[in-house]
């Protein structure tokens, strides 16, 4: 996949699919996640997110596990 984040992530009680199919959707995602490391300026563009996919997936997993699926 060339879109990051784009994965099925665990939540506190299940799973949630996140598919950021562009920079505008990524910006919207940032409004609901309390993860300052995802706000780094280079990550605002898809090429940087693709290059940092492993770290972004780890942060997404950590953050989404903090609440149940219905809350997200």
PDB file of N, CA and C in Angstrom:
ATOM      1  N   UNK A   1       0.834  -1.194   0.000  1.00  0.00           N
ATOM      2  CA  UNK A   1       0.000   0.000   0.000  1.00  0.00           C
ATOM      3  C   UNK A   1       0.870   1.244   0.000  1.00  0.00           C
ATOM      4  N   UNK A   2       0.423   2.262  -0.668  1.00  0.00           N
ATOM      5  CA  UNK A   2       1.162   3.522  -0.672  1.00  0.00           C
ATOM      6  C   UNK A   2       0.560   4.528   0.295  1.00  0.00           C
ATOM      7  N   UNK A   3      -0.565   4.182   0.898  1.00  0.00           N
ATOM      8  CA  UNK A   3      -1.213   5.100   1.833  1.00  0.00           C
ATOM      9  C   UNK A   3      -0.856   4.704   3.259  1.00  0.00           C
ATOM     10  N   UNK A   4      -0.470   5.699   4.036  1.00  0.00           N
ATOM     11  CA  UNK A   4      -0.096   5.458   5.436  1.00  0.00           C
ATOM     12  C   UNK A   4      -0.708   6.561   6.273  1.00  0.00           C
ATOM     13  N   UNK A   5      -1.384   6.208   7.371  1.00  0.00           N
ATOM     14  CA  UNK A   5      -1.707   4.870   7.811  1.00  0.00           C
ATOM     15  C   UNK A   5      -2.865   4.262   7.011  1.00  0.00           C
ATOM     16  N   UNK A   6      -2.768   2.979   6.810  1.00  0.00           N
ATOM     17  CA  UNK A   6      -3.785   2.176   6.140  1.00  0.00           C
ATOM     18  C   UNK A   6      -3.616   0.771   6.689  1.00  0.00           C
ATOM     19  N   UNK A   7      -4.474   0.424   7.667  1.00  0.00           N
ATOM     20  CA  UNK A   7      -4.291  -0.857   8.330  1.00  0.00           C
ATOM     21  C   UNK A   7      -5.504  -1.150   9.199  1.00  0.00           C
ATOM     22  N   UNK A   8      -5.556  -2.355   9.709  1.00  0.00           N
ATOM     23  CA  UNK A   8      -6.537  -2.747  10.708  1.00  0.00           C
ATOM     24  C   UNK A   8      -5.798  -2.719  12.049  1.00  0.00           C
ATOM     25  N   UNK A   9      -6.241  -1.844  12.944  1.00  0.00           N
ATOM     26  CA  UNK A   9      -5.549  -1.638  14.218  1.00  0.00           C
ATOM     27  C   UNK A   9      -6.401  -2.144  15.378  1.00  0.00           C
ATOM     28  N   UNK A  10      -5.761  -2.684  16.414  1.00  0.00           N
ATOM     29  CA  UNK A  10      -6.517  -3.110  17.591  1.00  0.00           C
ATOM     30  C   UNK A  10      -6.972  -1.898  18.404  1.00  0.00           C
ATOM     31  N   UNK A  11      -8.165  -2.037  18.972  1.00  0.00           N
ATOM     32  CA  UNK A  11      -8.672  -1.042  19.921  1.00  0.00           C
ATOM     33  C   UNK A  11      -8.751  -1.738  21.281  1.00  0.00           C
ATOM     34  N   UNK A  12      -9.301  -1.058  22.274  1.00  0.00           N
ATOM     35  CA  UNK A  12      -9.399  -1.657  23.604  1.00  0.00           C
ATOM     36  C   UNK A  12     -10.284  -2.895  23.609  1.00  0.00           C
ATOM     37  N   UNK A  13     -11.226  -2.974  22.660  1.00  0.00           N
ATOM     38  CA  UNK A  13     -12.155  -4.104  22.676  1.00  0.00           C
ATOM     39  C   UNK A  13     -12.403  -4.731  21.306  1.00  0.00           C
ATOM     40  N   UNK A  14     -11.587  -4.412  20.336  1.00  0.00           N
ATOM     41  CA  UNK A  14     -11.807  -4.972  19.002  1.00  0.00           C
ATOM     42  C   UNK A  14     -10.774  -4.465  18.022  1.00  0.00           C
ATOM     43  N   UNK A  15     -11.250  -4.113  16.851  1.00  0.00           N
ATOM     44  CA  UNK A  15     -10.358  -3.613  15.795  1.00  0.00           C
ATOM     45  C   UNK A  15     -11.039  -2.494  15.019  1.00  0.00           C
ATOM     46  N   UNK A  16     -10.218  -1.685  14.357  1.00  0.00           N
ATOM     47  CA  UNK A  16     -10.708  -0.559  13.580  1.00  0.00           C
ATOM     48  C   UNK A  16      -9.829  -0.419  12.344  1.00  0.00           C
ATOM     49  N   UNK A  17     -10.460  -0.255  11.205  1.00  0.00           N
ATOM     50  CA  UNK A  17      -9.701  -0.023   9.977  1.00  0.00           C
ATOM     51  C   UNK A  17      -9.550   1.479   9.780  1.00  0.00           C
ATOM     52  N   UNK A  18      -8.320   1.910   9.579  1.00  0.00           N
ATOM     53  CA  UNK A  18      -8.008   3.308   9.285  1.00  0.00           C
ATOM     54  C   UNK A  18      -7.392   3.337   7.897  1.00  0.00           C
ATOM     55  N   UNK A  19      -7.916   4.210   7.053  1.00  0.00           N
ATOM     56  CA  UNK A  19      -7.407   4.332   5.689  1.00  0.00           C
ATOM     57  C   UNK A  19      -7.275   5.811   5.346  1.00  0.00           C
ATOM     58  N   UNK A  20      -6.084   6.334   5.480  1.00  0.00           N
ATOM     59  CA  UNK A  20      -5.820   7.737   5.147  1.00  0.00           C
ATOM     60  C   UNK A  20      -5.400   7.803   3.676  1.00  0.00           C
ATOM     61  N   UNK A  21      -6.358   8.043   2.833  1.00  0.00           N
ATOM     62  CA  UNK A  21      -6.114   8.046   1.393  1.00  0.00           C
ATOM     63  C   UNK A  21      -5.753   9.433   0.892  1.00  0.00           C
ATOM     64  N   UNK A  22      -4.902  10.092   1.617  1.00  0.00           N
ATOM     65  CA  UNK A  22      -4.432  11.415   1.210  1.00  0.00           C
ATOM     66  C   UNK A  22      -4.121  12.284   2.404  1.00  0.00           C
ATOM     67  N   UNK A  23      -3.464  13.386   2.109  1.00  0.00           N
ATOM     68  CA  UNK A  23      -3.016  14.291   3.168  1.00  0.00           C
ATOM     69  C   UNK A  23      -4.178  14.926   3.924  1.00  0.00           C
ATOM     70  N   UNK A  24      -5.260  15.262   3.246  1.00  0.00           N
ATOM     71  CA  UNK A  24      -6.399  15.901   3.916  1.00  0.00           C
ATOM     72  C   UNK A  24      -7.027  14.963   4.940  1.00  0.00           C
ATOM     73  N   UNK A  25      -7.125  13.694   4.626  1.00  0.00           N
ATOM     74  CA  UNK A  25      -7.692  12.737   5.572  1.00  0.00           C
ATOM     75  C   UNK A  25      -6.739  12.535   6.748  1.00  0.00           C
ATOM     76  N   UNK A  26      -5.452  12.521   6.485  1.00  0.00           N
ATOM     77  CA  UNK A  26      -4.470  12.421   7.570  1.00  0.00           C
ATOM     78  C   UNK A  26      -4.633  13.598   8.529  1.00  0.00           C
ATOM     79  N   UNK A  27      -4.828  14.784   8.010  1.00  0.00           N
ATOM     80  CA  UNK A  27      -5.027  15.963   8.861  1.00  0.00           C
ATOM     81  C   UNK A  27      -6.249  15.786   9.753  1.00  0.00           C
ATOM     82  N   UNK A  28      -7.313  15.213   9.217  1.00  0.00           N
ATOM     83  CA  UNK A  28      -8.514  14.961  10.021  1.00  0.00           C
ATOM     84  C   UNK A  28      -8.241  13.930  11.109  1.00  0.00           C
ATOM     85  N   UNK A  29      -7.448  12.918  10.783  1.00  0.00           N
ATOM     86  CA  UNK A  29      -7.084  11.911  11.777  1.00  0.00           C
ATOM     87  C   UNK A  29      -6.355  12.550  12.956  1.00  0.00           C
ATOM     88  N   UNK A  30      -5.494  13.502  12.664  1.00  0.00           N
ATOM     89  CA  UNK A  30      -4.715  14.155  13.719  1.00  0.00           C
ATOM     90  C   UNK A  30      -5.593  14.892  14.722  1.00  0.00           C
ATOM     91  N   UNK A  31      -6.794  15.272  14.323  1.00  0.00           N
ATOM     92  CA  UNK A  31      -7.679  15.991  15.242  1.00  0.00           C
ATOM     93  C   UNK A  31      -8.255  15.091  16.323  1.00  0.00           C
ATOM     94  N   UNK A  32      -8.176  13.766  16.146  1.00  0.00           N
ATOM     95  CA  UNK A  32      -8.742  12.855  17.144  1.00  0.00           C
ATOM     96  C   UNK A  32      -7.695  12.038  17.888  1.00  0.00           C
ATOM     97  N   UNK A  33      -6.460  12.056  17.431  1.00  0.00           N
ATOM     98  CA  UNK A  33      -5.404  11.293  18.095  1.00  0.00           C
ATOM     99  C   UNK A  33      -4.512  12.206  18.922  1.00  0.00           C
ATOM    100  N   UNK A  34      -4.225  11.777  20.147  1.00  0.00           N
ATOM    101  CA  UNK A  34      -3.317  12.523  21.007  1.00  0.00           C
ATOM    102  C   UNK A  34      -1.925  11.912  20.881  1.00  0.00           C
ATOM    103  N   UNK A  35      -1.307  12.158  19.730  1.00  0.00           N
ATOM    104  CA  UNK A  35       0.008  11.580  19.441  1.00  0.00           C
ATOM    105  C   UNK A  35       0.874  12.651  18.785  1.00  0.00           C
ATOM    106  N   UNK A  36       1.570  13.463  19.582  1.00  0.00           N
ATOM    107  CA  UNK A  36       2.358  14.568  19.036  1.00  0.00           C
ATOM    108  C   UNK A  36       3.354  14.141  17.956  1.00  0.00           C
ATOM    109  N   UNK A  37       3.878  12.920  18.054  1.00  0.00           N
ATOM    110  CA  UNK A  37       4.860  12.489  17.068  1.00  0.00           C
ATOM    111  C   UNK A  37       4.268  12.345  15.674  1.00  0.00           C
ATOM    112  N   UNK A  38       2.950  12.211  15.579  1.00  0.00           N
ATOM    113  CA  UNK A  38       2.300  12.138  14.268  1.00  0.00           C
ATOM    114  C   UNK A  38       2.086  13.511  13.650  1.00  0.00           C
ATOM    115  N   UNK A  39       2.299  14.554  14.432  1.00  0.00           N
ATOM    116  CA  UNK A  39       2.111  15.931  13.961  1.00  0.00           C
ATOM    117  C   UNK A  39       3.392  16.534  13.377  1.00  0.00           C
ATOM    118  N   UNK A  40       4.457  15.776  13.322  1.00  0.00           N
ATOM    119  CA  UNK A  40       5.713  16.298  12.783  1.00  0.00           C
ATOM    120  C   UNK A  40       5.488  16.792  11.353  1.00  0.00           C
ATOM    121  N   UNK A  41       5.975  17.985  11.016  1.00  0.00           N
ATOM    122  CA  UNK A  41       5.719  18.557   9.692  1.00  0.00           C
ATOM    123  C   UNK A  41       5.991  17.630   8.498  1.00  0.00           C
ATOM    124  N   UNK A  42       7.077  16.868   8.472  1.00  0.00           N
ATOM    125  CA  UNK A  42       7.275  16.009   7.293  1.00  0.00           C
ATOM    126  C   UNK A  42       6.158  14.982   7.103  1.00  0.00           C
ATOM    127  N   UNK A  43       5.553  14.539   8.209  1.00  0.00           N
ATOM    128  CA  UNK A  43       4.510  13.519   8.109  1.00  0.00           C
ATOM    129  C   UNK A  43       3.204  14.056   7.552  1.00  0.00           C
ATOM    130  N   UNK A  44       3.120  15.344   7.360  1.00  0.00           N
ATOM    131  CA  UNK A  44       1.913  15.945   6.776  1.00  0.00           C
ATOM    132  C   UNK A  44       1.794  15.619   5.289  1.00  0.00           C
ATOM    133  N   UNK A  45       2.841  15.032   4.716  1.00  0.00           N
ATOM    134  CA  UNK A  45       2.856  14.652   3.297  1.00  0.00           C
ATOM    135  C   UNK A  45       3.028  13.141   3.188  1.00  0.00           C
ATOM    136  N   UNK A  46       2.303  12.550   2.267  1.00  0.00           N
ATOM    137  CA  UNK A  46       2.285  11.099   2.107  1.00  0.00           C
ATOM    138  C   UNK A  46       3.662  10.458   1.909  1.00  0.00           C
ATOM    139  N   UNK A  47       4.565  11.012   1.105  1.00  0.00           N
ATOM    140  CA  UNK A  47       5.853  10.328   0.926  1.00  0.00           C
ATOM    141  C   UNK A  47       6.613  10.102   2.238  1.00  0.00           C
ATOM    142  N   UNK A  48       6.558  11.062   3.145  1.00  0.00           N
ATOM    143  CA  UNK A  48       7.241  10.903   4.436  1.00  0.00           C
ATOM    144  C   UNK A  48       6.550   9.848   5.287  1.00  0.00           C
ATOM    145  N   UNK A  49       5.229   9.791   5.212  1.00  0.00           N
ATOM    146  CA  UNK A  49       4.517   8.766   5.980  1.00  0.00           C
ATOM    147  C   UNK A  49       4.843   7.369   5.458  1.00  0.00           C
ATOM    148  N   UNK A  50       4.928   7.217   4.166  1.00  0.00           N
ATOM    149  CA  UNK A  50       5.273   5.915   3.597  1.00  0.00           C
ATOM    150  C   UNK A  50       6.671   5.487   4.062  1.00  0.00           C
ATOM    151  N   UNK A  51       7.592   6.420   4.096  1.00  0.00           N
ATOM    152  CA  UNK A  51       8.955   6.117   4.524  1.00  0.00           C
ATOM    153  C   UNK A  51       9.025   5.765   6.010  1.00  0.00           C
ATOM    154  N   UNK A  52       8.043   6.214   6.791  1.00  0.00           N
ATOM    155  CA  UNK A  52       8.043   6.008   8.243  1.00  0.00           C
ATOM    156  C   UNK A  52       6.890   5.103   8.682  1.00  0.00           C
ATOM    157  N   UNK A  53       6.442   4.235   7.793  1.00  0.00           N
ATOM    158  CA  UNK A  53       5.268   3.395   8.026  1.00  0.00           C
ATOM    159  C   UNK A  53       5.363   2.570   9.305  1.00  0.00           C
ATOM    160  N   UNK A  54       6.487   1.956   9.573  1.00  0.00           N
ATOM    161  CA  UNK A  54       6.619   1.083  10.742  1.00  0.00           C
ATOM    162  C   UNK A  54       6.382   1.868  12.029  1.00  0.00           C
ATOM    163  N   UNK A  55       6.983   3.027  12.130  1.00  0.00           N
ATOM    164  CA  UNK A  55       6.812   3.843  13.345  1.00  0.00           C
ATOM    165  C   UNK A  55       5.374   4.353  13.460  1.00  0.00           C
ATOM    166  N   UNK A  56       4.795   4.784  12.352  1.00  0.00           N
ATOM    167  CA  UNK A  56       3.417   5.276  12.375  1.00  0.00           C
ATOM    168  C   UNK A  56       2.460   4.167  12.785  1.00  0.00           C
ATOM    169  N   UNK A  57       2.646   2.971  12.245  1.00  0.00           N
ATOM    170  CA  UNK A  57       1.791   1.856  12.642  1.00  0.00           C
ATOM    171  C   UNK A  57       1.917   1.558  14.134  1.00  0.00           C
ATOM    172  N   UNK A  58       3.105   1.660  14.680  1.00  0.00           N
ATOM    173  CA  UNK A  58       3.297   1.427  16.116  1.00  0.00           C
ATOM    174  C   UNK A  58       2.567   2.485  16.945  1.00  0.00           C
ATOM    175  N   UNK A  59       2.655   3.726  16.533  1.00  0.00           N
ATOM    176  CA  UNK A  59       1.961   4.811  17.250  1.00  0.00           C
ATOM    177  C   UNK A  59       0.452   4.628  17.132  1.00  0.00           C
ATOM    178  N   UNK A  60      -0.033   4.311  15.953  1.00  0.00           N
ATOM    179  CA  UNK A  60      -1.466   4.095  15.756  1.00  0.00           C
ATOM    180  C   UNK A  60      -1.963   2.955  16.642  1.00  0.00           C
ATOM    181  N   UNK A  61      -1.219   1.876  16.696  1.00  0.00           N
ATOM    182  CA  UNK A  61      -1.600   0.737  17.540  1.00  0.00           C
ATOM    183  C   UNK A  61      -1.667   1.162  18.996  1.00  0.00           C
ATOM    184  N   UNK A  62      -0.659   1.864  19.462  1.00  0.00           N
ATOM    185  CA  UNK A  62      -0.630   2.334  20.860  1.00  0.00           C
ATOM    186  C   UNK A  62      -1.828   3.239  21.160  1.00  0.00           C
ATOM    187  N   UNK A  63      -2.076   4.200  20.289  1.00  0.00           N
ATOM    188  CA  UNK A  63      -3.128   5.178  20.544  1.00  0.00           C
ATOM    189  C   UNK A  63      -4.528   4.575  20.461  1.00  0.00           C
ATOM    190  N   UNK A  64      -4.787   3.771  19.455  1.00  0.00           N
ATOM    191  CA  UNK A  64      -6.137   3.240  19.279  1.00  0.00           C
ATOM    192  C   UNK A  64      -6.511   2.220  20.339  1.00  0.00           C
ATOM    193  N   UNK A  65      -5.523   1.605  20.985  1.00  0.00           N
ATOM    194  CA  UNK A  65      -5.813   0.661  22.055  1.00  0.00           C
ATOM    195  C   UNK A  65      -6.259   1.354  23.338  1.00  0.00           C
ATOM    196  N   UNK A  66      -6.205   2.661  23.368  1.00  0.00           N
ATOM    197  CA  UNK A  66      -6.565   3.407  24.577  1.00  0.00           C
ATOM    198  C   UNK A  66      -8.071   3.540  24.786  1.00  0.00           C
ATOM    199  N   UNK A  67      -8.868   3.227  23.743  1.00  0.00           N
ATOM    200  CA  UNK A  67     -10.316   3.392  23.850  1.00  0.00           C
ATOM    201  C   UNK A  67     -11.023   2.286  23.076  1.00  0.00           C
ATOM    202  N   UNK A  68     -12.282   2.025  23.448  1.00  0.00           N
ATOM    203  CA  UNK A  68     -13.037   1.012  22.714  1.00  0.00           C
ATOM    204  C   UNK A  68     -13.390   1.492  21.294  1.00  0.00           C
ATOM    205  N   UNK A  69     -13.682   0.540  20.451  1.00  0.00           N
ATOM    206  CA  UNK A  69     -13.986   0.828  19.051  1.00  0.00           C
ATOM    207  C   UNK A  69     -15.088   1.873  18.899  1.00  0.00           C
ATOM    208  N   UNK A  70     -16.148   1.756  19.660  1.00  0.00           N
ATOM    209  CA  UNK A  70     -17.274   2.686  19.541  1.00  0.00           C
ATOM    210  C   UNK A  70     -16.868   4.131  19.826  1.00  0.00           C
ATOM    211  N   UNK A  71     -15.891   4.325  20.688  1.00  0.00           N
ATOM    212  CA  UNK A  71     -15.416   5.686  20.978  1.00  0.00           C
ATOM    213  C   UNK A  71     -14.706   6.309  19.791  1.00  0.00           C
ATOM    214  N   UNK A  72     -14.001   5.477  19.039  1.00  0.00           N
ATOM    215  CA  UNK A  72     -13.282   6.005  17.873  1.00  0.00           C
ATOM    216  C   UNK A  72     -14.272   6.297  16.773  1.00  0.00           C
TER     217      UNK A  72
END
